[in-house]
C-alpha atoms as a PDB file:
ATOM      1  CA  MET A   1      72.994-116.451 108.503  1.00  0.00           C
ATOM      2  CA  ALA A   2      70.587-117.062 111.480  1.00  0.00           C
ATOM      3  CA  GLU A   3      69.965-119.508 114.340  1.00  0.00           C
ATOM      4  CA  ARG A   4      66.755-120.940 115.739  1.00  0.00           C
ATOM      5  CA  PRO A   5      66.150-123.984 118.027  1.00  0.00           C
ATOM      6  CA  VAL A   6      64.408-126.786 116.725  1.00  0.00           C
ATOM      7  CA  PHE A   7      62.154-129.251 118.870  1.00  0.00           C
ATOM      8  CA  PHE A   8      62.096-132.825 119.064  1.00  0.00           C
ATOM      9  CA  ILE A   9      61.528-135.917 121.139  1.00  0.00           C
ATOM     10  CA  HIS A  10      64.261-137.859 122.501  1.00  0.00           C
ATOM     11  CA  ASN A  11      64.469-140.471 125.124  1.00  0.00           C
ATOM     12  CA  GLU A  12      60.603-139.119 126.161  1.00  0.00           C
ATOM     13  CA  LYS A  13      61.992-135.857 126.394  1.00  0.00           C
ATOM     14  CA  ILE A  14      61.010-132.365 124.594  1.00  0.00           C
ATOM     15  CA  ILE A  15      64.631-131.757 123.384  1.00  0.00           C
ATOM     16  CA  SER A  16      65.762-128.727 121.126  1.00  0.00           C
ATOM     17  CA  ARG A  17      68.984-128.471 119.035  1.00  0.00           C
ATOM     18  CA  GLN A  18      70.267-124.914 117.511  1.00  0.00           C
ATOM     19  CA  TYR A  19      70.551-125.149 113.328  1.00  0.00           C
ATOM     20  CA  THR A  20      72.043-122.349 111.541  1.00  0.00           C
ATOM     21  CA  PHE A  21      70.481-121.643 108.075  1.00  0.00           C
ATOM     22  CA  ASP A  22      69.912-118.887 105.348  1.00  0.00           C
ATOM     23  CA  TRP A  23      68.011-115.891 106.515  1.00  0.00           C
ATOM     24  CA  PHE A  24      65.773-113.985 103.851  1.00  0.00           C
ATOM     25  CA  PRO A  25      64.941-110.509 105.849  1.00  0.00           C
ATOM     26  CA  GLY A  26      62.058-108.672 104.829  1.00  0.00           C
ATOM     27  CA  PHE A  27      58.364-109.036 106.488  1.00  0.00           C
ATOM     28  CA  ALA A  28      56.936-110.274 103.293  1.00  0.00           C
ATOM     29  CA  VAL A  29      55.193-113.873 104.109  1.00  0.00           C
ATOM     30  CA  SER A  30      57.669-115.363 100.844  1.00  0.00           C
ATOM     31  CA  GLN A  31      60.647-113.730 102.653  1.00  0.00           C
ATOM     32  CA  LYS A  32      59.657-116.093 105.945  1.00  0.00           C
ATOM     33  CA  GLN A  33      58.489-118.897 103.773  1.00  0.00           C
ATOM     34  CA  LYS A  34      62.161-118.892 102.512  1.00  0.00           C
ATOM     35  CA  SER A  35      63.939-118.855 105.654  1.00  0.00           C
ATOM     36  CA  ILE A  36      61.696-121.488 107.048  1.00  0.00           C
ATOM     37  CA  GLU A  37      62.533-123.595 103.893  1.00  0.00           C
ATOM     38  CA  SER A  38      66.319-122.837 104.405  1.00  0.00           C
ATOM     39  CA  LEU A  39      65.725-123.975 108.340  1.00  0.00           C
ATOM     40  CA  HIS A  40      64.244-127.246 107.489  1.00  0.00           C
ATOM     41  CA  THR A  41      66.908-127.773 104.419  1.00  0.00           C
ATOM     42  CA  ALA A  42      69.247-127.735 107.802  1.00  0.00           C
ATOM     43  CA  ILE A  43      67.655-130.144 109.651  1.00  0.00           C
ATOM     44  CA  LEU A  44      67.049-132.483 106.730  1.00  0.00           C
ATOM     45  CA  LYS A  45      70.808-132.397 106.132  1.00  0.00           C
ATOM     46  CA  THR A  46      71.305-133.785 109.727  1.00  0.00           C
ATOM     47  CA  ASP A  47      68.293-136.486 109.474  1.00  0.00           C
ATOM     48  CA  THR A  48      67.415-137.909 106.276  1.00  0.00           C
ATOM     49  CA  HIS A  49      64.183-139.065 107.779  1.00  0.00           C
ATOM     50  CA  ALA A  50      63.353-135.829 109.320  1.00  0.00           C
ATOM     51  CA  LYS A  51      59.828-134.804 108.751  1.00  0.00           C
ATOM     52  CA  PRO A  52      59.586-130.977 109.943  1.00  0.00           C
ATOM     53  CA  LEU A  53      56.687-128.881 110.804  1.00  0.00           C
ATOM     54  CA  GLU A  54      56.548-125.383 110.990  1.00  0.00           C
ATOM     55  CA  ILE A  55      53.911-123.743 113.659  1.00  0.00           C
ATOM     56  CA  SER A  56      53.111-120.081 112.723  1.00  0.00           C
ATOM     57  CA  THR A  57      50.886-118.101 110.593  1.00  0.00           C
ATOM     58  CA  LYS A  58      53.416-118.605 108.033  1.00  0.00           C
ATOM     59  CA  SER A  59      53.748-122.162 107.772  1.00  0.00           C
ATOM     60  CA  THR A  60      53.302-123.628 104.377  1.00  0.00           C
ATOM     61  CA  GLU A  61      51.169-126.426 105.718  1.00  0.00           C
ATOM     62  CA  PRO A  62      47.542-125.575 107.011  1.00  0.00           C
ATOM     63  CA  LEU A  63      48.068-127.693 110.093  1.00  0.00           C
ATOM     64  CA  GLY A  64      50.950-125.649 110.938  1.00  0.00           C
ATOM     65  CA  VAL A  65      48.870-122.423 110.308  1.00  0.00           C
ATOM     66  CA  SER A  66      45.978-124.071 112.362  1.00  0.00           C
ATOM     67  CA  LEU A  67      48.176-125.019 115.254  1.00  0.00           C
ATOM     68  CA  SER A  68      49.503-121.229 115.226  1.00  0.00           C
ATOM     69  CA  ALA A  69      48.676-119.596 119.061  1.00  0.00           C
ATOM     70  CA  PHE A  70      46.904-116.879 116.642  1.00  0.00           C
ATOM     71  CA  HIS A  71      44.726-119.199 115.591  1.00  0.00           C
ATOM     72  CA  LEU A  72      43.911-120.807 118.747  1.00  0.00           C
ATOM     73  CA  ARG A  73      40.749-120.084 120.902  1.00  0.00           C
ATOM     74  CA  LEU A  74      40.269-121.231 124.453  1.00  0.00           C
ATOM     75  CA  ASN A  75      36.571-120.582 125.528  1.00  0.00           C
ATOM     76  CA  ASN A  76      35.660-118.361 122.757  1.00  0.00           C
ATOM     77  CA  TYR A  77      38.760-116.232 123.738  1.00  0.00           C
ATOM     78  CA  PRO A  78      42.028-115.783 121.996  1.00  0.00           C
ATOM     79  CA  LEU A  79      44.998-117.557 123.428  1.00  0.00           C
ATOM     80  CA  GLU A  80      47.076-114.702 123.507  1.00  0.00           C
ATOM     81  CA  ASN A  81      44.193-112.739 125.881  1.00  0.00           C
ATOM     82  CA  ILE A  82      43.770-116.048 128.115  1.00  0.00           C
ATOM     83  CA  PHE A  83      47.649-115.652 128.540  1.00  0.00           C
ATOM     84  CA  GLN A  84      48.192-112.196 129.624  1.00  0.00           C
ATOM     85  CA  SER A  85      44.654-111.927 131.664  1.00  0.00           C
ATOM     86  CA  ALA A  86      46.035-114.694 133.723  1.00  0.00           C
ATOM     87  CA  LYS A  87      49.301-112.877 134.754  1.00  0.00           C
ATOM     88  CA  VAL A  88      49.591-111.937 138.679  1.00  0.00           C
ATOM     89  CA  PHE A  89      52.171-109.488 139.684  1.00  0.00           C
ATOM     90  CA  GLU A  90      53.124-108.108 143.069  1.00  0.00           C
ATOM     91  CA  ASN A  91      51.293-104.822 142.870  1.00  0.00           C
ATOM     92  CA  GLY A  92      48.464-106.112 140.389  1.00  0.00           C
ATOM     93  CA  GLY A  93      46.427-108.545 138.354  1.00  0.00           C
ATOM     94  CA  PRO A  94      45.133-110.438 137.189  1.00  0.00           C
ATOM     95  CA  TYR A  95      43.259-108.693 134.295  1.00  0.00           C
ATOM     96  CA  PRO A  96      40.613-110.573 133.307  1.00  0.00           C
ATOM     97  CA  ASP A  97      39.382-107.567 131.280  1.00  0.00           C
ATOM     98  CA  LEU A  98      42.442-108.188 128.832  1.00  0.00           C
ATOM     99  CA  LEU A  99      40.066-110.971 127.706  1.00  0.00           C
ATOM    100  CA  GLU A 100      37.837-108.370 125.745  1.00  0.00           C
ATOM    101  CA  VAL A 101      40.491-106.621 123.772  1.00  0.00           C
ATOM    102  CA  PRO A 102      42.172-107.349 120.420  1.00  0.00           C
ATOM    103  CA  PRO A 103      45.431-109.941 121.462  1.00  0.00           C
ATOM    104  CA  LYS A 104      48.068-107.075 120.538  1.00  0.00           C
ATOM    105  CA  GLU A 105      46.608-104.611 122.852  1.00  0.00           C
ATOM    106  CA  ALA A 106      46.417-107.058 125.499  1.00  0.00           C
ATOM    107  CA  LYS A 107      50.018-108.146 125.061  1.00  0.00           C
ATOM    108  CA  ARG A 108      51.129-104.496 125.008  1.00  0.00           C
ATOM    109  CA  ASP A 109      48.795-103.356 128.127  1.00  0.00           C
ATOM    110  CA  GLU A 110      51.165-101.210 130.412  1.00  0.00           C
ATOM    111  CA  ARG A 111      49.805-102.675 133.374  1.00  0.00           C
ATOM    112  CA  LEU A 112      51.660-105.970 132.425  1.00  0.00           C
ATOM    113  CA  HIS A 113      54.605-103.423 132.168  1.00  0.00           C
ATOM    114  CA  ASN A 114      53.983-101.623 135.344  1.00  0.00           C
ATOM    115  CA  SER A 115      52.922-103.812 138.291  1.00  0.00           C
ATOM    116  CA  GLY A 116      55.974-104.949 139.442  1.00  0.00           C
ATOM    117  CA  ASN A 117      57.519-108.751 139.150  1.00  0.00           C
ATOM    118  CA  LEU A 118      55.312-111.734 137.918  1.00  0.00           C
ATOM    119  CA  THR A 119      54.441-114.120 140.562  1.00  0.00           C
ATOM    120  CA  ALA A 120      52.054-116.284 139.258  1.00  0.00           C
ATOM    121  CA  PHE A 121      49.302-117.251 136.773  1.00  0.00           C
ATOM    122  CA  TYR A 122      45.691-117.393 137.651  1.00  0.00           C
ATOM    123  CA  TYR A 123      43.395-119.211 135.307  1.00  0.00           C
ATOM    124  CA  GLN A 124      39.592-120.982 136.158  1.00  0.00           C
ATOM    125  CA  ASP A 125      40.105-120.276 139.985  1.00  0.00           C
ATOM    126  CA  GLU A 126      43.568-121.965 140.245  1.00  0.00           C
ATOM    127  CA  ALA A 127      46.777-120.474 140.585  1.00  0.00           C
ATOM    128  CA  PHE A 128      49.525-121.613 138.470  1.00  0.00           C
ATOM    129  CA  PRO A 129      53.360-121.336 139.460  1.00  0.00           C
ATOM    130  CA  LEU A 130      56.047-119.829 137.629  1.00  0.00           C
ATOM    131  CA  THR A 131      57.995-123.005 137.349  1.00  0.00           C
ATOM    132  CA  PRO A 132      57.747-124.950 135.544  1.00  0.00           C
ATOM    133  CA  ILE A 133      58.684-121.846 133.593  1.00  0.00           C
ATOM    134  CA  THR A 134      56.359-122.735 130.523  1.00  0.00           C
ATOM    135  CA  ALA A 135      53.864-125.135 132.154  1.00  0.00           C
ATOM    136  CA  PHE A 136      51.331-122.757 132.179  1.00  0.00           C
ATOM    137  CA  TYR A 137      51.436-121.661 128.674  1.00  0.00           C
ATOM    138  CA  ASP A 138      51.918-125.302 127.611  1.00  0.00           C
ATOM    139  CA  TYR A 139      48.620-125.952 129.400  1.00  0.00           C
ATOM    140  CA  ILE A 140      46.581-123.502 128.135  1.00  0.00           C
ATOM    141  CA  TYR A 141      47.842-124.035 124.579  1.00  0.00           C
ATOM    142  CA  ILE A 142      46.967-128.190 124.575  1.00  0.00           C
ATOM    143  CA  ALA A 143      43.603-127.003 126.429  1.00  0.00           C
ATOM    144  CA  ALA A 144      42.951-124.581 123.114  1.00  0.00           C
ATOM    145  CA  VAL A 145      44.155-126.951 120.418  1.00  0.00           C
ATOM    146  CA  LYS A 146      41.360-129.226 122.012  1.00  0.00           C
ATOM    147  CA  GLN A 147      39.010-126.929 121.329  1.00  0.00           C
ATOM    148  CA  SER A 148      40.010-125.235 118.326  1.00  0.00           C
ATOM    149  CA  LEU A 149      41.144-128.491 116.129  1.00  0.00           C
ATOM    150  CA  THR A 150      39.445-131.516 115.127  1.00  0.00           C
ATOM    151  CA  GLU A 151      40.628-135.384 116.135  1.00  0.00           C
ATOM    152  CA  ALA A 152      41.886-135.826 112.623  1.00  0.00           C
ATOM    153  CA  GLN A 153      43.754-132.383 113.024  1.00  0.00           C
ATOM    154  CA  ILE A 154      45.397-133.466 116.255  1.00  0.00           C
ATOM    155  CA  HIS A 155      46.611-136.892 115.616  1.00  0.00           C
ATOM    156  CA  ALA A 156      48.120-135.500 112.024  1.00  0.00           C
ATOM    157  CA  ILE A 157      50.732-134.063 114.464  1.00  0.00           C
ATOM    158  CA  THR A 158      52.477-137.409 114.792  1.00  0.00           C
ATOM    159  CA  SER A 159      53.055-137.433 111.309  1.00  0.00           C
ATOM    160  CA  TYR A 160      56.038-134.946 111.920  1.00  0.00           C
ATOM    161  CA  ASN A 161      58.886-135.248 113.866  1.00  0.00           C
ATOM    162  CA  TYR A 162      60.628-131.650 114.100  1.00  0.00           C
ATOM    163  CA  PHE A 163      58.670-128.344 114.917  1.00  0.00           C
ATOM    164  CA  THR A 164      59.614-125.059 114.363  1.00  0.00           C
ATOM    165  CA  ASP A 165      58.726-121.700 114.729  1.00  0.00           C
ATOM    166  CA  ILE A 166      60.741-118.803 112.743  1.00  0.00           C
ATOM    167  CA  GLU A 167      59.466-116.267 114.676  1.00  0.00           C
ATOM    168  CA  PHE A 168      60.540-117.380 118.225  1.00  0.00           C
ATOM    169  CA  ASN A 169      64.145-116.129 119.676  1.00  0.00           C
ATOM    170  CA  PRO A 170      64.824-117.862 122.568  1.00  0.00           C
ATOM    171  CA  ALA A 171      67.310-114.591 123.748  1.00  0.00           C
ATOM    172  CA  LYS A 172      63.821-112.590 123.914  1.00  0.00           C
ATOM    173  CA  SER A 173      61.409-114.848 124.755  1.00  0.00           C
ATOM    174  CA  ILE A 174      60.165-118.200 126.826  1.00  0.00           C
ATOM    175  CA  ASN A 175      57.303-119.952 125.380  1.00  0.00           C
ATOM    176  CA  THR A 176      56.564-121.248 121.687  1.00  0.00           C
ATOM    177  CA  GLN A 177      54.338-123.301 120.380  1.00  0.00           C
ATOM    178  CA  ALA A 178      57.078-125.358 118.169  1.00  0.00           C
ATOM    179  CA  ARG A 179      57.828-126.404 122.056  1.00  0.00           C
ATOM    180  CA  THR A 180      54.239-127.453 122.890  1.00  0.00           C
ATOM    181  CA  ALA A 181      53.573-129.393 119.621  1.00  0.00           C
ATOM    182  CA  ALA A 182      56.311-131.537 119.957  1.00  0.00           C
ATOM    183  CA  LEU A 183      54.923-132.025 123.582  1.00  0.00           C
ATOM    184  CA  ILE A 184      51.183-132.826 121.752  1.00  0.00           C
ATOM    185  CA  LYS A 185      53.313-135.420 119.740  1.00  0.00           C
ATOM    186  CA  LEU A 186      54.604-137.018 122.796  1.00  0.00           C
ATOM    187  CA  LEU A 187      51.222-137.195 124.921  1.00  0.00           C
ATOM    188  CA  LEU A 188      50.081-138.761 121.980  1.00  0.00           C
ATOM    189  CA  ALA A 189      52.152-141.386 121.840  1.00  0.00           C
ATOM    190  CA  GLU A 190      51.960-142.126 125.169  1.00  0.00           C
ATOM    191  CA  TYR A 191      47.824-141.881 125.635  1.00  0.00           C
ATOM    192  CA  GLY A 192      46.727-142.330 121.948  1.00  0.00           C
ATOM    193  CA  HIS A 193      44.877-138.807 122.833  1.00  0.00           C
ATOM    194  CA  LEU A 194      45.331-135.828 124.716  1.00  0.00           C
ATOM    195  CA  PRO A 195      44.118-136.550 128.360  1.00  0.00           C
ATOM    196  CA  GLU A 196      42.410-134.336 130.868  1.00  0.00           C
ATOM    197  CA  PHE A 197      45.247-133.575 133.234  1.00  0.00           C
ATOM    198  CA  SER A 198      44.468-131.796 136.555  1.00  0.00           C
ATOM    199  CA  LYS A 199      47.067-128.657 137.401  1.00  0.00           C
ATOM    200  CA  GLU A 200      49.004-130.731 139.566  1.00  0.00           C
ATOM    201  CA  ALA A 201      49.113-133.714 137.137  1.00  0.00           C
ATOM    202  CA  PHE A 202      50.109-131.610 134.162  1.00  0.00           C
ATOM    203  CA  ILE A 203      52.807-129.981 136.063  1.00  0.00           C
ATOM    204  CA  GLN A 204      54.163-133.119 137.321  1.00  0.00           C
ATOM    205  CA  TYR A 205      54.029-134.642 133.578  1.00  0.00           C
ATOM    206  CA  HIS A 206      55.966-131.231 132.480  1.00  0.00           C
ATOM    207  CA  LYS A 207      58.578-131.616 134.982  1.00  0.00           C
ATOM    208  CA  GLU A 208      59.316-135.306 133.870  1.00  0.00           C
ATOM    209  CA  HIS A 209      59.336-134.393 130.071  1.00  0.00           C
ATOM    210  CA  VAL A 210      60.174-130.856 129.597  1.00  0.00           C
ATOM    211  CA  PRO A 211      63.906-129.923 130.620  1.00  0.00           C
ATOM    212  CA  GLU A 212      64.059-126.720 132.920  1.00  0.00           C
ATOM    213  CA  ILE A 213      64.782-123.758 130.553  1.00  0.00           C
ATOM    214  CA  THR A 214      66.488-120.646 131.320  1.00  0.00           C
ATOM    215  CA  PRO A 215      65.021-117.311 131.427  1.00  0.00           C
ATOM    216  CA  PRO A 216      66.576-115.052 128.533  1.00  0.00           C
END
């Protein structure tokens, strides 16, 4: 058995709820998809009207695969590279050269672990604060979705009401594409499209609609 958070909208806020389900061990995609099916079955047991969407490369839905952070690009760079290259630490950063390496190398670069505490993110000549804790990731993820997906694909998100990410473990990490997908659904419901927020306006919107998260 395993537990994973599932993200959805309630009273115009992004809520998560833990679900217990049968876990199928192994690295094969087929095993991951069995776990996803089990998690989605657990959701349907609590809400017969649920329409869950897995957001990852392991999703059985093409939309879920397209929304995976590994498939999204922003200004012609992989989203992972944008995120890692924007980090500012006590003793270094940002490291724009990380834009030019494979995403896995960017994530593992030793400078990200040897430069002291994270103090901010720096992107497009603007500094982003560390709070709200997922605001910067959500900001660039949404920007990448707007550049990487068609309008039809973006609006297809509204057909779903629960969002999962089988690889996300809140005990080890903070950001998840499933939470941001729920936020996109909320934005589409309110605006009918993904608006062009300034940094300040997005942070304010985030504070109002995404409850604060405790770091692991």
